[in-house]
């Protein structure tokens, strides 16, 4: 079954990279609508942008979608992860600026609002993308992103940073039965203190603070309160991956493996999946398959485990 929100939910905050204050309302939508963004501040061009992999244009450190008129929305990965992780397949996201508000740097605020307002099952079949062949993209720096066959969505991620506050981390999760809400949704974006000046010089992280990102410097975590999880960094990379994989346009039955991968590589491996003959098929979800999708079975009590 497809699903949407029972009622509107609204968020306000600044964009992590732009620093621009933004209001965003997520509205229910009918069956087979999918996820669309609407720039309500744009009146002289098409304001509608589909949340789909093929309209992604690469930008450092975030996911950016752009329509044929050049209208864009950036840093969509956290709200996309929240919708996918709560099983919401149809929604219209109205936003009055170019960037989704960062909130506290994770997806927890989005998840709470979605679960609190309620999720409505819709009388329409849900199709999933079943991965049939291994597809991989690799970069010269050792980064790898792979999609391979699996009976449900699994995410396996590995990272390595010089700062010992992060170091080497790895984690594997099956995303069924509310795993995203409980295990990943409260893990915040992170950066190294040594990278902040570089990001600012390139027009990035202009809205970043120690309250909406985890900032590390060698052995030290500079953000107040420290880490929410000892492996918060790799958990956040998995959160981002779920949001970027949601741009496939349907839930994925397969295993995503990321090694030092980021937004661009996840998009690359999706594009390769859809461009490779015989690598996938679209299947109507059986009752058993529905139970194995992210978001199915999410309950308000799951929020008690979220920071």
Protein backbone atom coordinates (compact mmCIF):
# COMPACT_ATOMS: atom_id res chain seq x y z
CA UNK A 1 0.00 0.00 0.00
CA UNK A 2 1.09 3.55 -0.69
CA UNK A 3 0.97 6.11 2.13
CA UNK A 4 0.82 9.85 2.74
CA UNK A 5 0.51 12.22 5.69
CA UNK A 6 -2.81 12.71 7.43
CA UNK A 7 -2.31 16.49 7.60
CA UNK A 8 0.20 19.27 6.88
CA UNK A 9 3.39 19.68 8.88
CA UNK A 10 5.44 22.90 8.80
CA UNK A 11 9.10 23.58 9.60
CA UNK A 12 11.06 26.80 9.82
CA UNK A 13 14.81 27.31 10.05
CA UNK A 14 17.95 28.31 8.21
CA UNK A 15 19.65 26.51 5.37
CA UNK A 16 22.92 24.89 6.40
CA UNK A 17 24.85 26.13 3.37
CA UNK A 18 22.94 29.26 2.30
CA UNK A 19 22.20 30.62 5.77
CA UNK A 20 18.80 31.73 4.39
CA UNK A 21 15.74 31.46 6.65
CA UNK A 22 13.13 29.18 5.13
CA UNK A 23 9.59 27.96 5.80
CA UNK A 24 8.68 24.51 4.51
CA UNK A 25 5.30 22.73 4.63
CA UNK A 26 4.91 19.05 3.81
CA UNK A 27 1.37 18.35 2.56
CA UNK A 28 -0.53 15.12 1.89
CA UNK A 29 -0.80 14.01 -1.74
CA UNK A 30 -2.84 11.50 -3.68
CA UNK A 31 -1.85 8.07 -4.90
CA UNK A 32 0.94 7.80 -7.46
CA UNK A 33 1.92 11.44 -6.83
CA UNK A 34 5.37 10.67 -5.47
CA UNK A 35 7.41 13.38 -3.74
CA UNK A 36 7.53 16.83 -5.33
CA UNK A 37 8.96 20.14 -4.16
CA UNK A 38 7.23 23.43 -4.98
CA UNK A 39 9.11 26.73 -4.68
CA UNK A 40 6.25 28.99 -3.56
CA UNK A 41 8.52 32.05 -3.79
CA UNK A 42 9.03 31.52 -7.53
CA UNK A 43 6.39 33.21 -9.70
CA UNK A 44 8.16 33.73 -13.05
CA UNK A 45 9.12 30.10 -13.80
CA UNK A 46 7.93 26.56 -13.22
CA UNK A 47 8.15 26.11 -9.43
CA UNK A 48 7.68 22.31 -9.41
CA UNK A 49 10.65 19.95 -9.00
CA UNK A 50 10.32 16.16 -8.78
CA UNK A 51 12.35 14.46 -6.08
CA UNK A 52 14.01 12.09 -8.55
CA UNK A 53 17.59 11.01 -9.21
CA UNK A 54 17.75 12.25 -12.80
CA UNK A 55 17.20 15.93 -11.85
CA UNK A 56 20.10 15.93 -9.36
CA UNK A 57 22.91 18.32 -10.23
CA UNK A 58 26.03 17.80 -8.17
CA UNK A 59 26.93 20.32 -5.52
CA UNK A 60 29.52 19.72 -2.78
CA UNK A 61 28.29 18.37 0.55
CA UNK A 62 24.55 18.22 -0.21
CA UNK A 63 21.94 16.98 -2.67
CA UNK A 64 20.50 19.53 -5.10
CA UNK A 65 17.60 19.03 -7.50
CA UNK A 66 16.91 21.36 -10.43
CA UNK A 67 14.01 21.48 -12.90
CA UNK A 68 14.18 22.37 -16.60
CA UNK A 69 13.57 26.05 -15.78
CA UNK A 70 16.62 26.12 -13.52
CA UNK A 71 14.60 26.32 -10.29
CA UNK A 72 16.35 24.42 -7.51
CA UNK A 73 16.07 23.13 -3.98
CA UNK A 74 19.18 22.01 -2.10
CA UNK A 75 20.00 19.93 0.97
CA UNK A 76 16.94 17.75 0.49
CA UNK A 77 18.55 14.57 1.83
CA UNK A 78 17.33 14.78 5.44
CA UNK A 79 13.64 15.39 4.67
CA UNK A 80 13.80 12.71 1.97
CA UNK A 81 15.29 10.27 4.49
CA UNK A 82 12.58 11.12 7.01
CA UNK A 83 9.79 10.52 4.48
CA UNK A 84 11.33 7.26 3.25
CA UNK A 85 12.14 6.11 6.78
CA UNK A 86 8.53 6.69 7.83
CA UNK A 87 7.08 5.04 4.74
CA UNK A 88 5.58 8.19 3.20
CA UNK A 89 5.51 7.75 -0.60
CA UNK A 90 3.29 10.68 -1.64
CA UNK A 91 3.75 14.30 -0.52
CA UNK A 92 3.95 17.86 -1.81
CA UNK A 93 6.70 19.90 -0.14
CA UNK A 94 6.11 23.64 -0.40
CA UNK A 95 9.15 25.76 0.39
CA UNK A 96 9.72 29.53 0.21
CA UNK A 97 13.45 29.46 -0.41
CA UNK A 98 16.26 27.57 -2.11
CA UNK A 99 17.30 25.26 0.73
CA UNK A 100 15.57 22.90 3.16
CA UNK A 101 16.01 24.07 6.77
CA UNK A 102 18.74 22.17 8.56
CA UNK A 103 16.95 22.06 11.93
CA UNK A 104 19.48 20.49 14.36
CA UNK A 105 21.47 18.75 11.63
CA UNK A 106 19.62 15.44 11.43
CA UNK A 107 16.16 14.13 10.52
CA UNK A 108 14.68 13.76 14.01
CA UNK A 109 12.52 16.91 13.92
CA UNK A 110 11.07 15.85 10.58
CA UNK A 111 10.41 12.32 11.83
CA UNK A 112 8.68 13.49 15.02
CA UNK A 113 6.34 15.76 13.09
CA UNK A 114 5.52 13.08 10.52
CA UNK A 115 4.78 10.44 13.14
CA UNK A 116 2.87 12.86 15.37
CA UNK A 117 0.60 14.04 12.55
CA UNK A 118 0.04 10.47 11.42
CA UNK A 119 0.54 8.41 8.29
CA UNK A 120 -2.42 7.35 6.17
CA UNK A 121 -2.48 4.17 4.11
CA UNK A 122 -3.79 4.68 0.58
CA UNK A 123 -5.80 2.25 -1.52
CA UNK A 124 -3.20 1.74 -4.23
CA UNK A 125 -0.48 -0.86 -4.75
CA UNK A 126 3.10 0.02 -3.97
CA UNK A 127 5.83 -0.93 -6.42
CA UNK A 128 9.45 -1.48 -5.42
CA UNK A 129 12.71 -1.51 -7.35
CA UNK A 130 14.22 -4.97 -7.00
CA UNK A 131 17.97 -5.02 -7.63
CA UNK A 132 18.90 -8.01 -9.80
CA UNK A 133 22.58 -7.39 -10.62
CA UNK A 134 25.52 -5.86 -8.79
CA UNK A 135 26.30 -2.34 -10.00
CA UNK A 136 29.30 -0.40 -8.67
CA UNK A 137 30.96 2.96 -9.10
CA UNK A 138 34.49 3.61 -7.88
CA UNK A 139 36.65 6.72 -7.60
CA UNK A 140 40.43 6.98 -7.59
CA UNK A 141 40.43 8.07 -3.93
CA UNK A 142 39.12 4.63 -2.91
CA UNK A 143 35.48 5.67 -2.56
CA UNK A 144 33.01 2.98 -3.65
CA UNK A 145 29.22 2.79 -3.93
CA UNK A 146 27.49 -0.49 -4.77
CA UNK A 147 23.94 -1.76 -5.16
CA UNK A 148 23.47 -5.52 -4.98
CA UNK A 149 20.54 -7.95 -4.65
CA UNK A 150 18.90 -8.39 -1.23
CA UNK A 151 15.42 -9.20 0.03
CA UNK A 152 14.97 -5.84 1.77
CA UNK A 153 16.78 -2.52 1.89
CA UNK A 154 20.10 -2.91 3.68
CA UNK A 155 22.71 -0.21 4.12
CA UNK A 156 26.36 -1.01 4.82
CA UNK A 157 28.70 1.96 5.25
CA UNK A 158 32.36 2.51 6.08
CA UNK A 159 34.19 5.79 6.65
CA UNK A 160 37.71 6.85 7.63
CA UNK A 161 38.83 10.29 8.84
CA UNK A 162 42.15 11.50 10.19
CA UNK A 163 40.50 13.14 13.21
CA UNK A 164 40.46 10.50 15.94
CA UNK A 165 37.13 11.83 17.21
CA UNK A 166 35.75 10.08 14.11
CA UNK A 167 38.50 7.73 12.89
CA UNK A 168 37.36 4.56 11.13
CA UNK A 169 33.73 3.55 11.56
CA UNK A 170 31.49 0.94 9.93
CA UNK A 171 27.89 -0.12 10.35
CA UNK A 172 25.37 -2.41 8.67
CA UNK A 173 21.60 -2.19 9.15
CA UNK A 174 18.49 -3.71 7.67
CA UNK A 175 16.18 -0.73 7.27
CA UNK A 176 12.91 -2.61 7.96
CA UNK A 177 10.62 -2.26 10.99
CA UNK A 178 11.39 1.32 12.00
CA UNK A 179 15.17 0.89 12.04
CA UNK A 180 15.72 4.32 10.50
CA UNK A 181 13.66 6.09 13.17
CA UNK A 182 15.34 4.32 16.07
CA UNK A 183 18.92 3.97 14.84
CA UNK A 184 19.70 6.77 12.39
CA UNK A 185 17.24 9.67 12.45
CA UNK A 186 18.90 11.59 15.31
CA UNK A 187 22.47 11.41 13.94
CA UNK A 188 23.73 14.83 12.87
CA UNK A 189 25.77 16.09 9.99
CA UNK A 190 29.42 16.60 10.88
CA UNK A 191 32.54 18.39 9.74
CA UNK A 192 36.15 18.96 10.72
CA UNK A 193 37.01 22.33 12.22
CA UNK A 194 39.92 22.57 9.79
CA UNK A 195 37.45 22.48 6.87
CA UNK A 196 35.18 25.32 8.04
CA UNK A 197 37.20 28.19 6.56
CA UNK A 198 37.44 26.35 3.24
CA UNK A 199 33.70 25.77 3.16
CA UNK A 200 32.94 29.40 3.95
CA UNK A 201 35.32 30.53 1.22
CA UNK A 202 33.33 28.40 -1.24
CA UNK A 203 29.93 29.69 -0.09
CA UNK A 204 29.13 26.60 1.96
CA UNK A 205 28.06 26.07 5.59
CA UNK A 206 27.07 29.75 5.94
CA UNK A 207 24.22 28.70 8.23
CA UNK A 208 26.26 26.13 10.15
CA UNK A 209 26.65 26.38 13.92
CA UNK A 210 27.85 24.12 16.70
CA UNK A 211 24.16 23.42 17.39
CA UNK A 212 23.22 22.12 13.93
CA UNK A 213 26.37 20.16 13.13
CA UNK A 214 28.90 18.05 14.96
CA UNK A 215 32.27 19.80 14.69
CA UNK A 216 35.39 17.79 15.48
CA UNK A 217 39.01 18.83 15.91
CA UNK A 218 41.46 15.97 16.30
CA UNK A 219 40.46 14.13 19.48
CA UNK A 220 37.84 16.70 20.47
CA UNK A 221 34.13 17.06 19.76
CA UNK A 222 33.48 20.82 19.93
CA UNK A 223 29.68 20.77 19.72
CA UNK A 224 27.85 21.16 23.06
CA UNK A 225 26.81 17.86 24.60
CA UNK A 226 29.24 15.81 22.54
CA UNK A 227 28.12 12.87 20.44
CA UNK A 228 24.70 11.23 20.52
CA UNK A 229 26.28 7.93 19.47
CA UNK A 230 29.91 6.86 19.51
CA UNK A 231 29.52 6.13 15.78
CA UNK A 232 27.27 9.10 15.01
CA UNK A 233 29.30 10.04 11.93
CA UNK A 234 28.77 6.77 10.06
CA UNK A 235 25.12 6.71 11.15
CA UNK A 236 24.67 10.13 9.57
CA UNK A 237 26.27 8.94 6.35
CA UNK A 238 23.70 6.12 6.32
CA UNK A 239 20.92 8.65 6.93
CA UNK A 240 22.13 10.65 3.93
CA UNK A 241 22.31 7.50 1.83
CA UNK A 242 18.70 6.61 2.59
CA UNK A 243 17.60 10.10 1.59
CA UNK A 244 19.57 9.97 -1.65
CA UNK A 245 18.33 6.45 -2.48
CA UNK A 246 14.74 7.69 -2.01
CA UNK A 247 15.29 9.70 -5.20
CA UNK A 248 14.94 6.41 -7.08
CA UNK A 249 11.20 7.17 -7.00
CA UNK A 250 10.23 3.91 -5.32
CA UNK A 251 11.55 1.88 -2.39
CA UNK A 252 14.56 -0.28 -3.15
CA UNK A 253 14.86 -3.99 -2.43
CA UNK A 254 18.62 -4.32 -2.40
CA UNK A 255 21.79 -3.69 -0.45
CA UNK A 256 23.63 -0.38 -0.67
CA UNK A 257 27.30 -0.51 0.28
CA UNK A 258 29.20 2.75 0.66
CA UNK A 259 32.92 3.05 1.33
CA UNK A 260 33.86 6.68 1.90
CA UNK A 261 30.96 7.51 -0.43
CA UNK A 262 28.92 10.72 -0.50
CA UNK A 263 25.86 12.23 -2.15
CA UNK A 264 27.34 12.33 -5.65
CA UNK A 265 28.39 8.67 -5.59
CA UNK A 266 24.98 7.50 -4.38
CA UNK A 267 23.42 9.37 -7.29
CA UNK A 268 25.98 7.89 -9.67
CA UNK A 269 25.21 4.33 -8.62
CA UNK A 270 21.46 4.95 -9.00
CA UNK A 271 22.02 6.28 -12.52
CA UNK A 272 24.15 3.26 -13.34
CA UNK A 273 21.49 0.89 -11.96
CA UNK A 274 18.81 2.36 -14.23
CA UNK A 275 21.16 2.49 -17.23
CA UNK A 276 22.26 -1.16 -16.93
CA UNK A 277 20.04 -3.63 -18.85
CA UNK A 278 18.63 -6.31 -16.59
CA UNK A 279 20.00 -4.75 -13.38
CA UNK A 280 16.58 -4.18 -11.82
CA UNK A 281 12.88 -4.72 -12.20
CA UNK A 282 9.81 -2.94 -10.85
CA UNK A 283 7.69 -5.31 -8.77
CA UNK A 284 4.34 -4.93 -6.97
CA UNK A 285 5.00 -5.43 -3.28
CA UNK A 286 3.51 -8.50 -1.66
CA UNK A 287 2.36 -8.32 1.95
CA UNK A 288 5.64 -9.93 3.00
CA UNK A 289 7.70 -7.43 0.98
CA UNK A 290 5.74 -4.50 2.41
CA UNK A 291 6.73 -5.60 5.90
CA UNK A 292 10.40 -5.40 4.87
CA UNK A 293 10.30 -1.79 3.63
CA UNK A 294 11.57 1.21 5.60
CA UNK A 295 8.81 2.89 7.57
CA UNK A 296 6.40 0.00 7.78
CA UNK A 297 5.59 -0.61 11.43
CA UNK A 298 6.85 2.75 12.71
CA UNK A 299 5.06 3.64 15.94
CA UNK A 300 5.08 6.77 18.15
CA UNK A 301 6.88 4.75 20.82
CA UNK A 302 9.86 4.49 18.45
CA UNK A 303 10.35 8.23 18.99
CA UNK A 304 11.22 7.62 22.64
CA UNK A 305 14.54 6.25 21.44
CA UNK A 306 15.33 9.36 19.39
CA UNK A 307 17.50 12.08 20.95
